[in-house]
C-alpha cells in the first residue's frame, strides 16, 4: 500500500515537471525584420510586448515598486515610440498631425517623466548637465547640428539608438553611429539620472 502511494506521488511529480517544461518553452514570435523591436537587442526582455506600455506590464510593476531600474526608462521610451512612430515632421507642429523634434522631446518628457522641458531646441540644449557621447545613458538628450538653419534633438534609448522626429521620415528610431548623425553630432545633456526618471515612470503609474 505504501509503495503504491509513493508511486502515485512520484508520477504526479513527473507530470508537473513536464507541464512546467512545456510552459517555459513557449516562444514569442516577432515580425518585421527591419523593425527595431525585431533586432533582439541586448537587455530587451524576451517576454516584453512592444505594444504594451511598461506601466501596464505587471512584471515591470513588481520590479519597479521600490527601486525601479533604468530599464523601465528604456521601455517607457520605446512605448512612446510606438505611440508616435510615423507621425510626420512639421516645423512648429506639436501633435499627431505633425510634430517637430523639440516638441516631441517636450511631449515625451512631460507625459512619461512629468518633467517640463523648454519648447525649443535652443532652450533644451541648456537643460540639465553636459555628458560625453561615451557616457550616454538612457533618457539623455542628444543634439545635432545638421546643414540648415535649425539644430536637431532626440532622446537616447540605449544600444546606440535615439528617438526623434526626422525631417524626412517623421518620428522614428535612428542609430547614432549612422554616418549622417555621427558627422553632425553636437552634444548630449542629462536632465535627470536614469534611476530618477524610472521612479517618475513608476510613481506616475501608482498615482
C-alpha atoms as a PDB file:
ATOM      1  CA  UNK A   1       0.000   0.000   0.000  1.00  0.00           C
ATOM      2  CA  UNK A   2       2.867   2.373   0.930  1.00  0.00           C
ATOM      3  CA  UNK A   3       4.693   1.539  -2.289  1.00  0.00           C
ATOM      4  CA  UNK A   4       1.560   2.260  -4.340  1.00  0.00           C
ATOM      5  CA  UNK A   5       1.084   5.607  -2.633  1.00  0.00           C
ATOM      6  CA  UNK A   6       4.741   6.535  -3.209  1.00  0.00           C
ATOM      7  CA  UNK A   7       4.418   5.605  -6.867  1.00  0.00           C
ATOM      8  CA  UNK A   8       1.408   7.876  -7.277  1.00  0.00           C
ATOM      9  CA  UNK A   9       3.279  10.781  -5.675  1.00  0.00           C
ATOM     10  CA  UNK A  10       6.280  10.157  -7.946  1.00  0.00           C
ATOM     11  CA  UNK A  11       4.077  10.065 -11.065  1.00  0.00           C
ATOM     12  CA  UNK A  12       2.344  13.287 -10.029  1.00  0.00           C
ATOM     13  CA  UNK A  13       5.723  15.000  -9.596  1.00  0.00           C
ATOM     14  CA  UNK A  14       6.909  13.897 -13.028  1.00  0.00           C
ATOM     15  CA  UNK A  15       3.671  15.124 -14.651  1.00  0.00           C
ATOM     16  CA  UNK A  16       4.011  18.562 -13.038  1.00  0.00           C
ATOM     17  CA  UNK A  17       7.619  18.804 -14.181  1.00  0.00           C
ATOM     18  CA  UNK A  18       6.624  18.008 -17.763  1.00  0.00           C
ATOM     19  CA  UNK A  19       3.859  20.614 -17.721  1.00  0.00           C
ATOM     20  CA  UNK A  20       6.240  23.253 -16.372  1.00  0.00           C
ATOM     21  CA  UNK A  21       8.762  22.421 -19.093  1.00  0.00           C
ATOM     22  CA  UNK A  22       6.146  22.886 -21.819  1.00  0.00           C
ATOM     23  CA  UNK A  23       5.009  26.197 -20.403  1.00  0.00           C
ATOM     24  CA  UNK A  24       8.544  27.594 -20.218  1.00  0.00           C
ATOM     25  CA  UNK A  25       9.416  26.543 -23.764  1.00  0.00           C
ATOM     26  CA  UNK A  26       6.801  28.783 -25.411  1.00  0.00           C
ATOM     27  CA  UNK A  27       8.434  31.365 -27.695  1.00  0.00           C
ATOM     28  CA  UNK A  28       7.056  34.725 -28.695  1.00  0.00           C
ATOM     29  CA  UNK A  29       7.174  35.373 -32.441  1.00  0.00           C
ATOM     30  CA  UNK A  30       8.204  38.748 -33.832  1.00  0.00           C
ATOM     31  CA  UNK A  31       7.528  40.179 -37.253  1.00  0.00           C
ATOM     32  CA  UNK A  32       9.197  42.804 -39.387  1.00  0.00           C
ATOM     33  CA  UNK A  33      12.903  42.091 -39.887  1.00  0.00           C
ATOM     34  CA  UNK A  34      13.644  45.787 -40.330  1.00  0.00           C
ATOM     35  CA  UNK A  35      11.803  46.842 -37.195  1.00  0.00           C
ATOM     36  CA  UNK A  36      13.801  47.984 -34.171  1.00  0.00           C
ATOM     37  CA  UNK A  37      11.986  45.518 -31.938  1.00  0.00           C
ATOM     38  CA  UNK A  38      12.966  42.581 -34.163  1.00  0.00           C
ATOM     39  CA  UNK A  39      16.674  43.277 -33.710  1.00  0.00           C
ATOM     40  CA  UNK A  40      16.832  41.229 -30.491  1.00  0.00           C
ATOM     41  CA  UNK A  41      18.798  43.965 -28.789  1.00  0.00           C
ATOM     42  CA  UNK A  42      20.684  43.067 -25.602  1.00  0.00           C
ATOM     43  CA  UNK A  43      18.824  43.839 -22.416  1.00  0.00           C
ATOM     44  CA  UNK A  44      15.395  43.579 -24.043  1.00  0.00           C
ATOM     45  CA  UNK A  45      13.244  41.163 -22.010  1.00  0.00           C
ATOM     46  CA  UNK A  46      12.076  38.269 -24.186  1.00  0.00           C
ATOM     47  CA  UNK A  47       8.539  38.473 -22.802  1.00  0.00           C
ATOM     48  CA  UNK A  48       8.157  42.210 -23.424  1.00  0.00           C
ATOM     49  CA  UNK A  49       5.498  43.170 -25.921  1.00  0.00           C
ATOM     50  CA  UNK A  50       6.385  46.471 -27.680  1.00  0.00           C
ATOM     51  CA  UNK A  51       2.696  47.282 -27.947  1.00  0.00           C
ATOM     52  CA  UNK A  52       2.321  47.030 -24.168  1.00  0.00           C
ATOM     53  CA  UNK A  53       3.058  50.155 -22.191  1.00  0.00           C
ATOM     54  CA  UNK A  54       5.541  49.385 -19.397  1.00  0.00           C
ATOM     55  CA  UNK A  55       3.071  50.761 -16.855  1.00  0.00           C
ATOM     56  CA  UNK A  56       0.576  48.076 -17.968  1.00  0.00           C
ATOM     57  CA  UNK A  57       3.078  45.246 -17.544  1.00  0.00           C
ATOM     58  CA  UNK A  58       2.587  43.559 -14.118  1.00  0.00           C
ATOM     59  CA  UNK A  59       6.118  42.128 -14.174  1.00  0.00           C
ATOM     60  CA  UNK A  60       7.610  45.577 -14.613  1.00  0.00           C
ATOM     61  CA  UNK A  61       5.269  46.976 -11.982  1.00  0.00           C
ATOM     62  CA  UNK A  62       6.511  44.429  -9.470  1.00  0.00           C
ATOM     63  CA  UNK A  63      10.131  45.205 -10.308  1.00  0.00           C
ATOM     64  CA  UNK A  64       9.637  48.956 -10.002  1.00  0.00           C
ATOM     65  CA  UNK A  65       7.844  49.226  -6.664  1.00  0.00           C
ATOM     66  CA  UNK A  66      10.866  50.270  -4.613  1.00  0.00           C
ATOM     67  CA  UNK A  67      13.941  50.843  -6.774  1.00  0.00           C
ATOM     68  CA  UNK A  68      12.850  50.892 -10.426  1.00  0.00           C
ATOM     69  CA  UNK A  69      15.685  50.002 -12.816  1.00  0.00           C
ATOM     70  CA  UNK A  70      16.823  52.257 -15.667  1.00  0.00           C
ATOM     71  CA  UNK A  71      15.420  49.559 -17.988  1.00  0.00           C
ATOM     72  CA  UNK A  72      11.983  50.932 -17.116  1.00  0.00           C
ATOM     73  CA  UNK A  73      13.010  54.253 -18.686  1.00  0.00           C
ATOM     74  CA  UNK A  74      14.071  52.489 -21.863  1.00  0.00           C
ATOM     75  CA  UNK A  75      10.815  50.596 -22.145  1.00  0.00           C
ATOM     76  CA  UNK A  76       8.774  53.721 -21.462  1.00  0.00           C
ATOM     77  CA  UNK A  77      10.609  55.492 -24.284  1.00  0.00           C
ATOM     78  CA  UNK A  78      10.029  52.564 -26.649  1.00  0.00           C
ATOM     79  CA  UNK A  79       6.336  52.691 -25.752  1.00  0.00           C
ATOM     80  CA  UNK A  80       6.365  56.386 -26.703  1.00  0.00           C
ATOM     81  CA  UNK A  81       7.997  55.428 -29.992  1.00  0.00           C
ATOM     82  CA  UNK A  82       5.117  53.062 -30.668  1.00  0.00           C
ATOM     83  CA  UNK A  83       2.679  55.850 -29.980  1.00  0.00           C
ATOM     84  CA  UNK A  84       4.349  58.451 -32.210  1.00  0.00           C
ATOM     85  CA  UNK A  85       6.005  56.268 -34.882  1.00  0.00           C
ATOM     86  CA  UNK A  86       5.312  57.547 -38.377  1.00  0.00           C
ATOM     87  CA  UNK A  87       3.949  60.917 -37.269  1.00  0.00           C
ATOM     88  CA  UNK A  88       5.156  63.337 -39.959  1.00  0.00           C
ATOM     89  CA  UNK A  89       7.610  66.097 -39.220  1.00  0.00           C
ATOM     90  CA  UNK A  90       6.186  69.598 -39.250  1.00  0.00           C
ATOM     91  CA  UNK A  91       8.152  72.630 -38.143  1.00  0.00           C
ATOM     92  CA  UNK A  92       6.235  74.212 -35.269  1.00  0.00           C
ATOM     93  CA  UNK A  93       3.925  71.191 -35.006  1.00  0.00           C
ATOM     94  CA  UNK A  94       3.065  69.749 -31.612  1.00  0.00           C
ATOM     95  CA  UNK A  95       0.562  66.953 -32.308  1.00  0.00           C
ATOM     96  CA  UNK A  96      -0.187  63.773 -34.202  1.00  0.00           C
ATOM     97  CA  UNK A  97      -0.838  65.616 -37.487  1.00  0.00           C
ATOM     98  CA  UNK A  98       2.739  66.830 -37.443  1.00  0.00           C
ATOM     99  CA  UNK A  99       5.432  67.465 -34.847  1.00  0.00           C
ATOM    100  CA  UNK A 100       8.947  68.849 -34.777  1.00  0.00           C
ATOM    101  CA  UNK A 101      11.911  67.420 -32.891  1.00  0.00           C
ATOM    102  CA  UNK A 102      11.844  69.663 -29.824  1.00  0.00           C
ATOM    103  CA  UNK A 103       8.055  69.327 -29.431  1.00  0.00           C
ATOM    104  CA  UNK A 104       8.389  65.536 -29.478  1.00  0.00           C
ATOM    105  CA  UNK A 105      11.051  65.670 -26.774  1.00  0.00           C
ATOM    106  CA  UNK A 106       8.921  68.072 -24.732  1.00  0.00           C
ATOM    107  CA  UNK A 107       5.832  65.835 -25.057  1.00  0.00           C
ATOM    108  CA  UNK A 108       7.665  62.616 -24.180  1.00  0.00           C
ATOM    109  CA  UNK A 109       9.309  64.098 -21.086  1.00  0.00           C
ATOM    110  CA  UNK A 110       6.095  65.689 -19.880  1.00  0.00           C
ATOM    111  CA  UNK A 111       3.941  62.578 -20.324  1.00  0.00           C
ATOM    112  CA  UNK A 112       6.479  59.943 -19.321  1.00  0.00           C
ATOM    113  CA  UNK A 113       8.622  61.621 -16.666  1.00  0.00           C
ATOM    114  CA  UNK A 114       6.448  64.550 -15.516  1.00  0.00           C
ATOM    115  CA  UNK A 115       9.326  66.864 -16.365  1.00  0.00           C
ATOM    116  CA  UNK A 116       8.624  70.139 -18.162  1.00  0.00           C
ATOM    117  CA  UNK A 117      11.302  70.988 -20.701  1.00  0.00           C
ATOM    118  CA  UNK A 118      11.505  74.200 -22.738  1.00  0.00           C
ATOM    119  CA  UNK A 119       9.793  74.215 -26.125  1.00  0.00           C
ATOM    120  CA  UNK A 120      12.714  74.953 -28.433  1.00  0.00           C
ATOM    121  CA  UNK A 121      15.934  73.094 -29.171  1.00  0.00           C
ATOM    122  CA  UNK A 122      17.874  76.271 -28.416  1.00  0.00           C
ATOM    123  CA  UNK A 123      16.461  76.240 -24.880  1.00  0.00           C
ATOM    124  CA  UNK A 124      16.573  72.480 -24.344  1.00  0.00           C
ATOM    125  CA  UNK A 125      20.299  72.454 -25.035  1.00  0.00           C
ATOM    126  CA  UNK A 126      20.770  74.265 -21.727  1.00  0.00           C
ATOM    127  CA  UNK A 127      18.699  71.797 -19.690  1.00  0.00           C
ATOM    128  CA  UNK A 128      20.462  69.547 -17.194  1.00  0.00           C
ATOM    129  CA  UNK A 129      24.199  68.965 -17.389  1.00  0.00           C
ATOM    130  CA  UNK A 130      26.508  68.043 -20.281  1.00  0.00           C
ATOM    131  CA  UNK A 131      27.665  64.436 -20.760  1.00  0.00           C
ATOM    132  CA  UNK A 132      30.093  62.976 -23.253  1.00  0.00           C
ATOM    133  CA  UNK A 133      28.890  60.696 -26.009  1.00  0.00           C
ATOM    134  CA  UNK A 134      30.853  57.835 -24.441  1.00  0.00           C
ATOM    135  CA  UNK A 135      28.896  58.277 -21.184  1.00  0.00           C
ATOM    136  CA  UNK A 136      25.385  58.371 -22.683  1.00  0.00           C
ATOM    137  CA  UNK A 137      22.642  56.767 -20.616  1.00  0.00           C
ATOM    138  CA  UNK A 138      19.010  56.046 -21.385  1.00  0.00           C
ATOM    139  CA  UNK A 139      16.937  59.233 -21.276  1.00  0.00           C
ATOM    140  CA  UNK A 140      19.770  61.624 -22.154  1.00  0.00           C
ATOM    141  CA  UNK A 141      19.105  64.306 -24.764  1.00  0.00           C
ATOM    142  CA  UNK A 142      21.262  64.171 -27.887  1.00  0.00           C
ATOM    143  CA  UNK A 143      21.773  67.253 -30.056  1.00  0.00           C
ATOM    144  CA  UNK A 144      22.908  67.604 -33.643  1.00  0.00           C
ATOM    145  CA  UNK A 145      23.885  70.439 -35.974  1.00  0.00           C
ATOM    146  CA  UNK A 146      22.903  69.282 -39.461  1.00  0.00           C
ATOM    147  CA  UNK A 147      23.106  71.539 -42.525  1.00  0.00           C
ATOM    148  CA  UNK A 148      20.498  74.279 -42.480  1.00  0.00           C
ATOM    149  CA  UNK A 149      19.273  76.880 -40.034  1.00  0.00           C
ATOM    150  CA  UNK A 150      17.919  74.541 -37.363  1.00  0.00           C
ATOM    151  CA  UNK A 151      19.574  72.314 -34.762  1.00  0.00           C
ATOM    152  CA  UNK A 152      18.118  68.881 -34.008  1.00  0.00           C
ATOM    153  CA  UNK A 153      17.345  66.994 -30.773  1.00  0.00           C
ATOM    154  CA  UNK A 154      16.403  63.438 -29.826  1.00  0.00           C
ATOM    155  CA  UNK A 155      16.279  61.126 -26.801  1.00  0.00           C
ATOM    156  CA  UNK A 156      18.791  58.322 -26.304  1.00  0.00           C
ATOM    157  CA  UNK A 157      17.046  54.947 -25.769  1.00  0.00           C
ATOM    158  CA  UNK A 158      20.146  52.757 -25.391  1.00  0.00           C
ATOM    159  CA  UNK A 159      22.152  50.373 -27.565  1.00  0.00           C
ATOM    160  CA  UNK A 160      23.184  53.196 -29.876  1.00  0.00           C
ATOM    161  CA  UNK A 161      19.649  54.298 -30.842  1.00  0.00           C
ATOM    162  CA  UNK A 162      17.781  57.552 -30.282  1.00  0.00           C
ATOM    163  CA  UNK A 163      14.144  58.590 -30.656  1.00  0.00           C
ATOM    164  CA  UNK A 164      13.480  61.721 -32.697  1.00  0.00           C
ATOM    165  CA  UNK A 165      11.285  63.442 -35.269  1.00  0.00           C
ATOM    166  CA  UNK A 166      13.197  63.146 -38.524  1.00  0.00           C
ATOM    167  CA  UNK A 167      12.538  65.875 -41.067  1.00  0.00           C
ATOM    168  CA  UNK A 168      12.395  63.283 -43.862  1.00  0.00           C
ATOM    169  CA  UNK A 169      10.690  60.271 -42.237  1.00  0.00           C
ATOM    170  CA  UNK A 170       8.864  61.630 -39.203  1.00  0.00           C
ATOM    171  CA  UNK A 171       9.073  60.108 -35.725  1.00  0.00           C
ATOM    172  CA  UNK A 172      11.445  57.154 -35.721  1.00  0.00           C
ATOM    173  CA  UNK A 173      14.444  55.474 -34.086  1.00  0.00           C
ATOM    174  CA  UNK A 174      17.869  56.085 -35.625  1.00  0.00           C
ATOM    175  CA  UNK A 175      21.399  54.893 -34.952  1.00  0.00           C
ATOM    176  CA  UNK A 176      23.886  57.335 -33.502  1.00  0.00           C
ATOM    177  CA  UNK A 177      26.593  55.565 -35.497  1.00  0.00           C
ATOM    178  CA  UNK A 178      24.794  56.280 -38.754  1.00  0.00           C
ATOM    179  CA  UNK A 179      27.266  58.223 -40.913  1.00  0.00           C
ATOM    180  CA  UNK A 180      24.955  61.249 -41.154  1.00  0.00           C
ATOM    181  CA  UNK A 181      24.179  61.530 -37.437  1.00  0.00           C
ATOM    182  CA  UNK A 182      27.749  60.730 -36.440  1.00  0.00           C
ATOM    183  CA  UNK A 183      29.005  63.539 -38.640  1.00  0.00           C
ATOM    184  CA  UNK A 184      26.591  66.109 -37.226  1.00  0.00           C
ATOM    185  CA  UNK A 185      26.569  65.079 -33.544  1.00  0.00           C
ATOM    186  CA  UNK A 186      26.912  68.181 -31.396  1.00  0.00           C
ATOM    187  CA  UNK A 187      26.478  67.374 -27.704  1.00  0.00           C
ATOM    188  CA  UNK A 188      24.419  65.492 -25.093  1.00  0.00           C
ATOM    189  CA  UNK A 189      22.671  66.613 -21.908  1.00  0.00           C
ATOM    190  CA  UNK A 190      21.359  64.723 -18.898  1.00  0.00           C
ATOM    191  CA  UNK A 191      18.253  66.268 -17.348  1.00  0.00           C
ATOM    192  CA  UNK A 192      17.913  63.670 -14.561  1.00  0.00           C
ATOM    193  CA  UNK A 193      19.644  60.396 -13.686  1.00  0.00           C
ATOM    194  CA  UNK A 194      18.015  57.270 -15.223  1.00  0.00           C
ATOM    195  CA  UNK A 195      17.049  55.937 -11.779  1.00  0.00           C
ATOM    196  CA  UNK A 196      15.220  59.194 -11.029  1.00  0.00           C
ATOM    197  CA  UNK A 197      13.441  59.101 -14.379  1.00  0.00           C
ATOM    198  CA  UNK A 198      12.479  55.475 -13.700  1.00  0.00           C
ATOM    199  CA  UNK A 199      10.988  56.355 -10.334  1.00  0.00           C
ATOM    200  CA  UNK A 200       8.908  59.014 -12.051  1.00  0.00           C
ATOM    201  CA  UNK A 201       7.581  56.441 -14.519  1.00  0.00           C
ATOM    202  CA  UNK A 202       6.677  54.103 -11.645  1.00  0.00           C
ATOM    203  CA  UNK A 203       5.113  56.805  -9.475  1.00  0.00           C
ATOM    204  CA  UNK A 204       3.019  58.078 -12.385  1.00  0.00           C
ATOM    205  CA  UNK A 205       1.559  54.572 -12.698  1.00  0.00           C
ATOM    206  CA  UNK A 206       0.916  54.297  -8.968  1.00  0.00           C
ATOM    207  CA  UNK A 207      -0.766  57.724  -8.973  1.00  0.00           C
END
